[in-house]
């Protein structure tokens, strides 16, 4: 059952994963709605513990721009997103590193000793 709007309380909280649907100036600010002050305080606390990662916000801005205009060159991408070249590069690096972390299971790293970090312990014959 929806909460009557007269009893709802609202707040904006920093959230680097949030992109506003139509106002880029509000990117990174998530609007919370709660049934009362205590509930709002609980929700705000959840977001206080989440780190704000600028590169995550920038990556979202780049992704949004490229979704709507996939053939942008570097200058156009900077103009559309409002980011500079360094911010765009850092966002792409962040996105690549995040992808690699998600694709690599824990303890599954190739090392110089062999697959998954195992070493050949046999003596040569």
N, C-alpha and C. Protein backbone atom coordinates (compact mmCIF):
# COMPACT_ATOMS: atom_id res chain seq x y z
N UNK A 1 0.85 -1.17 0.00
CA UNK A 1 0.00 0.00 0.00
C UNK A 1 0.90 1.24 0.00
N UNK A 2 0.65 2.18 -0.92
CA UNK A 2 1.47 3.39 -0.97
C UNK A 2 1.29 4.25 0.28
N UNK A 3 2.36 4.94 0.63
CA UNK A 3 2.32 5.85 1.77
C UNK A 3 1.72 7.16 1.29
N UNK A 4 0.74 7.71 2.02
CA UNK A 4 0.18 9.01 1.60
C UNK A 4 1.27 10.07 1.54
N UNK A 5 1.25 10.87 0.49
CA UNK A 5 2.33 11.86 0.31
C UNK A 5 2.40 12.86 1.45
N UNK A 6 1.31 13.10 2.13
CA UNK A 6 1.32 14.06 3.24
C UNK A 6 2.16 13.57 4.42
N UNK A 7 2.35 12.26 4.54
CA UNK A 7 3.12 11.73 5.67
C UNK A 7 4.55 11.36 5.29
N UNK A 8 4.89 11.46 4.01
CA UNK A 8 6.24 11.12 3.57
C UNK A 8 7.22 12.23 3.94
N UNK A 9 8.47 11.83 4.21
CA UNK A 9 9.55 12.79 4.39
C UNK A 9 10.61 12.48 3.34
N UNK A 10 11.33 13.50 2.92
CA UNK A 10 12.27 13.36 1.81
C UNK A 10 13.64 13.90 2.20
N UNK A 11 14.64 13.40 1.49
CA UNK A 11 15.99 13.89 1.68
C UNK A 11 16.81 13.56 0.43
N UNK A 12 17.80 14.36 0.16
CA UNK A 12 18.77 14.05 -0.88
C UNK A 12 20.03 13.55 -0.20
N UNK A 13 20.59 12.46 -0.73
CA UNK A 13 21.83 11.92 -0.17
C UNK A 13 22.83 11.73 -1.30
N UNK A 14 24.12 11.90 -1.01
CA UNK A 14 25.14 11.64 -2.03
C UNK A 14 25.17 10.16 -2.38
N UNK A 15 25.15 9.87 -3.68
CA UNK A 15 25.21 8.48 -4.16
C UNK A 15 25.83 8.49 -5.54
N UNK A 16 27.09 8.07 -5.64
CA UNK A 16 27.81 8.11 -6.91
C UNK A 16 27.26 7.15 -7.95
N UNK A 17 26.38 6.24 -7.56
CA UNK A 17 25.80 5.30 -8.53
C UNK A 17 24.51 5.84 -9.15
N UNK A 18 24.04 7.00 -8.69
CA UNK A 18 22.75 7.52 -9.15
C UNK A 18 22.92 8.57 -10.24
N UNK A 19 22.23 8.33 -11.36
CA UNK A 19 22.15 9.32 -12.43
C UNK A 19 20.71 9.79 -12.51
N UNK A 20 20.52 11.10 -12.46
CA UNK A 20 19.16 11.65 -12.53
C UNK A 20 18.60 11.39 -13.93
N UNK A 21 17.32 11.02 -14.03
CA UNK A 21 16.77 10.65 -15.33
C UNK A 21 16.73 11.76 -16.38
N UNK A 22 16.66 13.04 -15.94
CA UNK A 22 16.61 14.10 -16.95
C UNK A 22 17.37 15.38 -16.57
N UNK A 23 18.01 15.41 -15.40
CA UNK A 23 18.75 16.61 -14.99
C UNK A 23 20.16 16.24 -14.53
N UNK A 24 21.13 16.32 -15.42
CA UNK A 24 22.50 15.94 -15.08
C UNK A 24 23.09 16.71 -13.90
N UNK A 25 22.55 17.90 -13.60
CA UNK A 25 23.04 18.65 -12.44
C UNK A 25 22.71 17.95 -11.13
N UNK A 26 21.77 17.02 -11.16
CA UNK A 26 21.40 16.27 -9.96
C UNK A 26 21.99 14.86 -9.94
N UNK A 27 22.86 14.56 -10.89
CA UNK A 27 23.56 13.27 -10.85
C UNK A 27 24.34 13.19 -9.54
N UNK A 28 24.34 12.01 -8.93
CA UNK A 28 25.07 11.81 -7.69
C UNK A 28 24.29 12.21 -6.45
N UNK A 29 23.03 12.64 -6.62
CA UNK A 29 22.17 12.98 -5.50
C UNK A 29 20.89 12.15 -5.59
N UNK A 30 20.77 11.16 -4.73
CA UNK A 30 19.60 10.29 -4.74
C UNK A 30 18.54 10.87 -3.80
N UNK A 31 17.30 10.89 -4.27
CA UNK A 31 16.19 11.36 -3.44
C UNK A 31 15.61 10.17 -2.69
N UNK A 32 15.59 10.30 -1.38
CA UNK A 32 15.00 9.27 -0.53
C UNK A 32 13.62 9.72 -0.09
N UNK A 33 12.70 8.78 -0.05
CA UNK A 33 11.36 9.04 0.48
C UNK A 33 11.10 8.00 1.56
N UNK A 34 10.60 8.47 2.69
CA UNK A 34 10.36 7.58 3.82
C UNK A 34 9.00 7.91 4.44
N UNK A 35 8.51 6.97 5.25
CA UNK A 35 7.20 7.14 5.87
C UNK A 35 7.25 8.05 7.10
N UNK A 36 8.43 8.42 7.54
CA UNK A 36 8.55 9.30 8.70
C UNK A 36 10.00 9.60 8.99
N UNK A 37 10.26 10.48 9.95
CA UNK A 37 11.63 10.90 10.26
C UNK A 37 12.54 9.75 10.69
N UNK A 38 12.04 8.82 11.48
CA UNK A 38 12.88 7.70 11.93
C UNK A 38 13.30 6.82 10.76
N UNK A 39 12.34 6.52 9.88
CA UNK A 39 12.65 5.71 8.71
C UNK A 39 13.63 6.43 7.80
N UNK A 40 13.43 7.74 7.62
CA UNK A 40 14.34 8.52 6.80
C UNK A 40 15.75 8.49 7.37
N UNK A 41 15.86 8.58 8.68
CA UNK A 41 17.17 8.53 9.33
C UNK A 41 17.86 7.19 9.07
N UNK A 42 17.10 6.11 9.11
CA UNK A 42 17.66 4.78 8.82
C UNK A 42 18.19 4.71 7.39
N UNK A 43 17.40 5.23 6.45
CA UNK A 43 17.82 5.21 5.05
C UNK A 43 19.06 6.07 4.83
N UNK A 44 19.09 7.25 5.46
CA UNK A 44 20.25 8.13 5.33
C UNK A 44 21.51 7.45 5.86
N UNK A 45 21.37 6.73 6.96
CA UNK A 45 22.52 6.04 7.55
C UNK A 45 23.08 4.99 6.59
N UNK A 46 22.21 4.31 5.87
CA UNK A 46 22.67 3.31 4.90
C UNK A 46 23.55 3.96 3.83
N UNK A 47 23.17 5.15 3.39
CA UNK A 47 23.96 5.82 2.36
C UNK A 47 25.22 6.47 2.92
N UNK A 48 25.23 6.82 4.20
CA UNK A 48 26.45 7.37 4.81
C UNK A 48 27.58 6.34 4.82
N UNK A 49 27.23 5.07 4.90
CA UNK A 49 28.26 4.03 4.95
C UNK A 49 28.75 3.63 3.56
N UNK A 50 28.07 4.07 2.51
CA UNK A 50 28.48 3.75 1.15
C UNK A 50 29.44 4.81 0.65
N UNK A 51 30.62 4.41 0.20
CA UNK A 51 31.57 5.43 -0.28
C UNK A 51 31.07 6.12 -1.54
N UNK A 52 31.37 7.39 -1.67
CA UNK A 52 31.07 8.15 -2.88
C UNK A 52 32.33 8.10 -3.74
N UNK A 53 32.23 7.44 -4.88
CA UNK A 53 33.37 7.26 -5.78
C UNK A 53 33.15 8.12 -7.02
N UNK A 54 33.94 9.19 -7.12
CA UNK A 54 33.77 10.12 -8.24
C UNK A 54 33.85 9.41 -9.58
N UNK A 55 34.79 8.47 -9.69
CA UNK A 55 34.96 7.77 -10.96
C UNK A 55 33.70 6.98 -11.34
N UNK A 56 32.99 6.48 -10.36
CA UNK A 56 31.73 5.76 -10.63
C UNK A 56 30.70 6.72 -11.23
N UNK A 57 30.59 7.90 -10.65
CA UNK A 57 29.67 8.90 -11.17
C UNK A 57 30.06 9.30 -12.59
N UNK A 58 31.35 9.54 -12.80
CA UNK A 58 31.82 9.93 -14.13
C UNK A 58 31.57 8.83 -15.15
N UNK A 59 31.79 7.57 -14.75
CA UNK A 59 31.55 6.44 -15.66
C UNK A 59 30.08 6.39 -16.04
N UNK A 60 29.20 6.69 -15.11
CA UNK A 60 27.77 6.73 -15.43
C UNK A 60 27.44 7.81 -16.42
N UNK A 61 28.06 8.98 -16.27
CA UNK A 61 27.83 10.09 -17.20
C UNK A 61 28.32 9.72 -18.61
N UNK A 62 29.48 9.07 -18.67
CA UNK A 62 30.03 8.66 -19.97
C UNK A 62 29.11 7.61 -20.61
N UNK A 63 28.68 6.63 -19.82
CA UNK A 63 27.80 5.58 -20.35
C UNK A 63 26.49 6.16 -20.86
N UNK A 64 25.91 7.09 -20.11
CA UNK A 64 24.65 7.71 -20.53
C UNK A 64 24.84 8.45 -21.86
N UNK A 65 25.93 9.19 -21.97
CA UNK A 65 26.19 9.95 -23.20
C UNK A 65 26.37 9.01 -24.39
N UNK A 66 27.11 7.92 -24.19
CA UNK A 66 27.38 7.00 -25.30
C UNK A 66 26.16 6.15 -25.66
N UNK A 67 25.25 5.94 -24.69
CA UNK A 67 24.01 5.21 -25.00
C UNK A 67 23.14 6.00 -25.96
N UNK A 68 23.09 7.31 -25.75
CA UNK A 68 22.22 8.13 -26.59
C UNK A 68 22.93 8.63 -27.86
N UNK A 69 24.27 8.70 -27.82
CA UNK A 69 25.04 9.19 -28.97
C UNK A 69 26.31 8.35 -29.10
N UNK A 70 26.21 7.14 -29.65
CA UNK A 70 27.34 6.22 -29.62
C UNK A 70 28.56 6.63 -30.45
N UNK A 71 28.44 7.58 -31.32
CA UNK A 71 29.56 7.93 -32.20
C UNK A 71 30.26 9.23 -31.80
N UNK A 72 30.20 9.59 -30.53
CA UNK A 72 30.86 10.83 -30.08
C UNK A 72 32.37 10.69 -30.13
N UNK A 73 33.05 11.74 -30.58
CA UNK A 73 34.51 11.75 -30.46
C UNK A 73 34.88 12.29 -29.08
N UNK A 74 36.17 12.36 -28.78
CA UNK A 74 36.61 12.76 -27.44
C UNK A 74 36.12 14.16 -27.06
N UNK A 75 36.22 15.10 -27.99
CA UNK A 75 35.79 16.48 -27.70
C UNK A 75 34.30 16.54 -27.44
N UNK A 76 33.53 15.85 -28.26
CA UNK A 76 32.07 15.84 -28.08
C UNK A 76 31.68 15.15 -26.77
N UNK A 77 32.37 14.07 -26.43
CA UNK A 77 32.08 13.36 -25.18
C UNK A 77 32.34 14.27 -23.98
N UNK A 78 33.44 15.00 -24.02
CA UNK A 78 33.75 15.94 -22.94
C UNK A 78 32.67 17.02 -22.85
N UNK A 79 32.24 17.52 -24.00
CA UNK A 79 31.22 18.56 -24.02
C UNK A 79 29.88 18.04 -23.49
N UNK A 80 29.45 16.88 -23.93
CA UNK A 80 28.15 16.33 -23.54
C UNK A 80 28.13 15.96 -22.06
N UNK A 81 29.21 15.41 -21.54
CA UNK A 81 29.23 14.95 -20.14
C UNK A 81 29.59 16.06 -19.16
N UNK A 82 30.26 17.11 -19.65
CA UNK A 82 30.73 18.15 -18.75
C UNK A 82 32.00 17.74 -18.02
N UNK A 83 32.62 16.64 -18.45
CA UNK A 83 33.85 16.15 -17.83
C UNK A 83 35.05 16.58 -18.64
N UNK A 84 36.20 16.63 -18.00
CA UNK A 84 37.43 16.90 -18.75
C UNK A 84 38.06 15.57 -19.16
N UNK A 85 39.11 15.62 -19.95
CA UNK A 85 39.72 14.39 -20.48
C UNK A 85 40.28 13.50 -19.37
N UNK A 86 40.84 14.10 -18.35
CA UNK A 86 41.38 13.30 -17.24
C UNK A 86 40.26 12.57 -16.52
N UNK A 87 39.14 13.25 -16.28
CA UNK A 87 38.01 12.60 -15.62
C UNK A 87 37.45 11.46 -16.47
N UNK A 88 37.38 11.67 -17.77
CA UNK A 88 36.89 10.62 -18.67
C UNK A 88 37.83 9.42 -18.62
N UNK A 89 39.13 9.67 -18.69
CA UNK A 89 40.11 8.58 -18.63
C UNK A 89 40.02 7.83 -17.30
N UNK A 90 39.92 8.56 -16.21
CA UNK A 90 39.82 7.90 -14.89
C UNK A 90 38.54 7.09 -14.78
N UNK A 91 37.44 7.58 -15.38
CA UNK A 91 36.19 6.82 -15.33
C UNK A 91 36.30 5.53 -16.12
N UNK A 92 36.98 5.57 -17.25
CA UNK A 92 37.16 4.37 -18.07
C UNK A 92 38.07 3.37 -17.36
N UNK A 93 39.11 3.86 -16.70
CA UNK A 93 40.00 2.99 -15.93
C UNK A 93 39.23 2.34 -14.79
N UNK A 94 38.42 3.12 -14.08
CA UNK A 94 37.62 2.59 -12.98
C UNK A 94 36.67 1.49 -13.48
N UNK A 95 36.01 1.77 -14.60
CA UNK A 95 35.06 0.80 -15.18
C UNK A 95 35.78 -0.48 -15.59
N UNK A 96 36.95 -0.36 -16.20
CA UNK A 96 37.73 -1.54 -16.61
C UNK A 96 38.16 -2.36 -15.39
N UNK A 97 38.65 -1.68 -14.37
CA UNK A 97 39.08 -2.38 -13.16
C UNK A 97 37.91 -3.08 -12.47
N UNK A 98 36.76 -2.43 -12.45
CA UNK A 98 35.56 -3.03 -11.86
C UNK A 98 35.16 -4.28 -12.64
N UNK A 99 35.20 -4.19 -13.96
CA UNK A 99 34.86 -5.33 -14.80
C UNK A 99 35.80 -6.50 -14.53
N UNK A 100 37.10 -6.21 -14.46
CA UNK A 100 38.08 -7.28 -14.21
C UNK A 100 37.89 -7.90 -12.84
N UNK A 101 37.61 -7.10 -11.81
CA UNK A 101 37.35 -7.65 -10.48
C UNK A 101 36.15 -8.58 -10.49
N UNK A 102 35.10 -8.21 -11.23
CA UNK A 102 33.89 -9.03 -11.28
C UNK A 102 34.11 -10.31 -12.08
N UNK A 103 35.04 -10.29 -13.02
CA UNK A 103 35.28 -11.45 -13.87
C UNK A 103 36.28 -12.43 -13.29
N UNK A 104 37.07 -11.99 -12.31
CA UNK A 104 38.11 -12.84 -11.73
C UNK A 104 37.66 -13.37 -10.38
N UNK A 105 37.43 -14.69 -10.29
CA UNK A 105 37.07 -15.26 -8.99
C UNK A 105 38.21 -15.08 -7.99
N UNK A 106 37.89 -14.99 -6.71
CA UNK A 106 38.96 -14.86 -5.70
C UNK A 106 39.94 -16.03 -5.79
N UNK A 107 41.22 -15.75 -5.56
CA UNK A 107 42.29 -16.76 -5.58
C UNK A 107 42.45 -17.45 -6.92
N UNK A 108 42.06 -16.80 -7.99
CA UNK A 108 42.19 -17.40 -9.32
C UNK A 108 43.07 -16.50 -10.18
N UNK A 109 44.31 -16.32 -9.75
CA UNK A 109 45.23 -15.44 -10.46
C UNK A 109 46.34 -16.26 -11.09
N UNK A 110 46.60 -15.95 -12.34
CA UNK A 110 47.73 -16.58 -13.01
C UNK A 110 49.01 -15.96 -12.46
N UNK A 111 49.93 -16.78 -12.13
CA UNK A 111 51.21 -16.27 -11.65
C UNK A 111 52.33 -16.87 -12.45
N UNK A 112 53.54 -16.44 -12.21
CA UNK A 112 54.68 -16.96 -12.98
C UNK A 112 54.93 -18.43 -12.70
N UNK A 113 54.40 -18.94 -11.57
CA UNK A 113 54.66 -20.33 -11.21
C UNK A 113 53.68 -21.30 -11.86
N UNK A 114 52.62 -20.80 -12.47
CA UNK A 114 51.66 -21.69 -13.10
C UNK A 114 50.24 -21.24 -12.86
N UNK A 115 49.32 -22.05 -13.31
CA UNK A 115 47.91 -21.70 -13.22
C UNK A 115 47.49 -21.54 -11.77
N UNK A 116 46.68 -20.53 -11.53
CA UNK A 116 46.09 -20.25 -10.22
C UNK A 116 47.13 -20.16 -9.11
N UNK A 117 48.33 -19.76 -9.44
CA UNK A 117 49.36 -19.55 -8.44
C UNK A 117 49.97 -20.82 -7.89
N UNK A 118 49.76 -21.94 -8.55
CA UNK A 118 50.35 -23.18 -8.05
C UNK A 118 51.80 -23.26 -8.50
N UNK A 119 52.58 -23.93 -7.74
CA UNK A 119 53.99 -24.10 -8.10
C UNK A 119 54.25 -25.57 -8.35
N UNK A 120 55.17 -25.81 -9.24
CA UNK A 120 55.61 -27.17 -9.50
C UNK A 120 56.64 -27.52 -8.42
N UNK A 121 56.26 -28.44 -7.54
CA UNK A 121 57.14 -28.81 -6.42
C UNK A 121 57.92 -30.08 -6.71
N UNK A 122 57.76 -30.65 -7.89
CA UNK A 122 58.50 -31.88 -8.20
C UNK A 122 59.94 -31.55 -8.55
N UNK A 123 60.83 -32.41 -8.14
CA UNK A 123 62.24 -32.27 -8.48
C UNK A 123 62.44 -32.72 -9.93
N UNK A 124 63.28 -32.05 -10.67
CA UNK A 124 63.57 -32.51 -12.04
C UNK A 124 64.27 -33.86 -12.01
N UNK A 125 63.96 -34.71 -12.98
CA UNK A 125 64.60 -36.03 -13.02
C UNK A 125 65.72 -36.11 -13.99
